[in-house]
Amino acid sequence: MGLYSAMHKTKVSRAVRALEQRRWLRRETNMANRREEFLWLTARGKQAFREIAPALQMFENALVERTGHSRADILATLDAIERAIG
């Protein structure tokens, strides 16, 4: 589950469980490697994403505009912060 995440696998697992309880996410065990799971957004999860995404995009745009830095620079800084505290 945590292959593409810098988060600890326990945090990822808890987040997945919370999304699953909201019925926003569906998961299925990979039978070829039972340590992995496939994750899909449900129709309900896709709807929630469509509702949340515009506000997140506006926040990101405002952050880029206010700081005067590129998105890449901001992401690099956030990555550095995560590594420093992680």
Protein backbone atom coordinates (compact mmCIF):
# COMPACT_ATOMS: atom_id res chain seq x y z
CA MET A 1 0.00 0.00 0.00
CA GLY A 2 2.75 2.45 0.80
CA LEU A 3 4.81 1.98 -2.37
CA TYR A 4 4.08 5.47 -3.71
CA SER A 5 3.88 7.25 -0.40
CA ALA A 6 6.50 8.77 1.83
CA MET A 7 4.16 8.21 4.76
CA HIS A 8 4.66 5.39 7.22
CA LYS A 9 2.66 2.33 6.21
CA THR A 10 0.64 2.45 9.45
CA LYS A 11 -0.59 5.96 8.65
CA VAL A 12 -1.44 4.93 5.11
CA SER A 13 -3.32 1.90 6.41
CA ARG A 14 -5.35 4.05 8.83
CA ALA A 15 -6.16 6.57 6.10
CA VAL A 16 -7.28 3.77 3.77
CA ARG A 17 -9.45 2.28 6.52
CA ALA A 18 -11.06 5.68 7.20
CA LEU A 19 -11.81 6.22 3.50
CA GLU A 20 -13.20 2.70 3.28
CA GLN A 21 -15.49 3.33 6.28
CA ARG A 22 -16.83 6.43 4.51
CA ARG A 23 -17.43 4.18 1.50
CA TRP A 24 -15.16 6.40 -0.59
CA LEU A 25 -12.67 3.63 -1.27
CA ARG A 26 -12.74 -0.04 -2.17
CA ARG A 27 -9.77 -2.34 -1.70
CA GLU A 28 -8.87 -5.76 -2.93
CA THR A 29 -5.94 -7.99 -1.97
CA ASN A 30 -3.44 -8.70 -4.72
CA MET A 31 -3.56 -12.49 -4.88
CA ALA A 32 -0.10 -12.59 -6.52
CA ASN A 33 1.39 -10.74 -3.54
CA ARG A 34 -0.88 -10.77 -0.51
CA ARG A 35 1.09 -7.92 1.11
CA GLU A 36 -0.28 -5.56 -1.55
CA GLU A 37 -3.76 -4.21 -2.10
CA PHE A 38 -5.42 -2.57 -5.05
CA LEU A 39 -7.37 0.59 -4.16
CA TRP A 40 -10.24 2.15 -6.11
CA LEU A 41 -12.40 5.16 -5.46
CA THR A 42 -16.07 4.27 -5.29
CA ALA A 43 -18.70 6.41 -7.04
CA ARG A 44 -19.18 8.13 -3.69
CA GLY A 45 -15.42 8.72 -3.39
CA LYS A 46 -15.20 10.11 -6.92
CA GLN A 47 -18.04 12.52 -6.12
CA ALA A 48 -16.30 13.65 -2.92
CA PHE A 49 -13.09 14.20 -4.89
CA ARG A 50 -14.94 16.27 -7.51
CA GLU A 51 -16.36 18.42 -4.71
CA ILE A 52 -13.06 18.83 -2.84
CA ALA A 53 -10.63 19.20 -5.77
CA PRO A 54 -11.57 22.75 -6.86
CA ALA A 55 -11.01 24.13 -3.34
CA LEU A 56 -7.66 22.35 -3.13
CA GLN A 57 -6.64 23.73 -6.52
CA MET A 58 -7.57 27.25 -5.44
CA PHE A 59 -5.52 26.83 -2.26
CA GLU A 60 -2.53 25.61 -4.25
CA ASN A 61 -2.83 28.48 -6.73
CA ALA A 62 -3.03 31.02 -3.90
CA LEU A 63 0.01 29.49 -2.20
CA VAL A 64 2.04 29.70 -5.40
CA GLU A 65 0.88 33.26 -6.04
CA ARG A 66 1.55 34.48 -2.49
CA THR A 67 4.99 32.95 -2.18
CA GLY A 68 6.20 33.86 -5.65
CA HIS A 69 7.73 30.40 -5.97
CA SER A 70 6.96 27.72 -8.52
CA ARG A 71 4.94 24.64 -7.63
CA ALA A 72 8.11 22.56 -8.08
CA ASP A 73 10.00 24.75 -5.60
CA ILE A 74 7.20 24.52 -3.04
CA LEU A 75 6.99 20.73 -3.41
CA ALA A 76 10.77 20.42 -3.08
CA THR A 77 10.64 22.49 0.13
CA LEU A 78 7.80 20.37 1.54
CA ASP A 79 9.75 17.20 0.67
CA ALA A 80 12.78 18.59 2.50
CA ILE A 81 10.63 19.38 5.55
CA GLU A 82 9.16 15.85 5.53
CA ARG A 83 12.64 14.32 5.35
CA ALA A 84 13.87 16.54 8.17
CA ILE A 85 11.04 15.63 10.54
CA GLY A 86 10.43 12.09 9.25
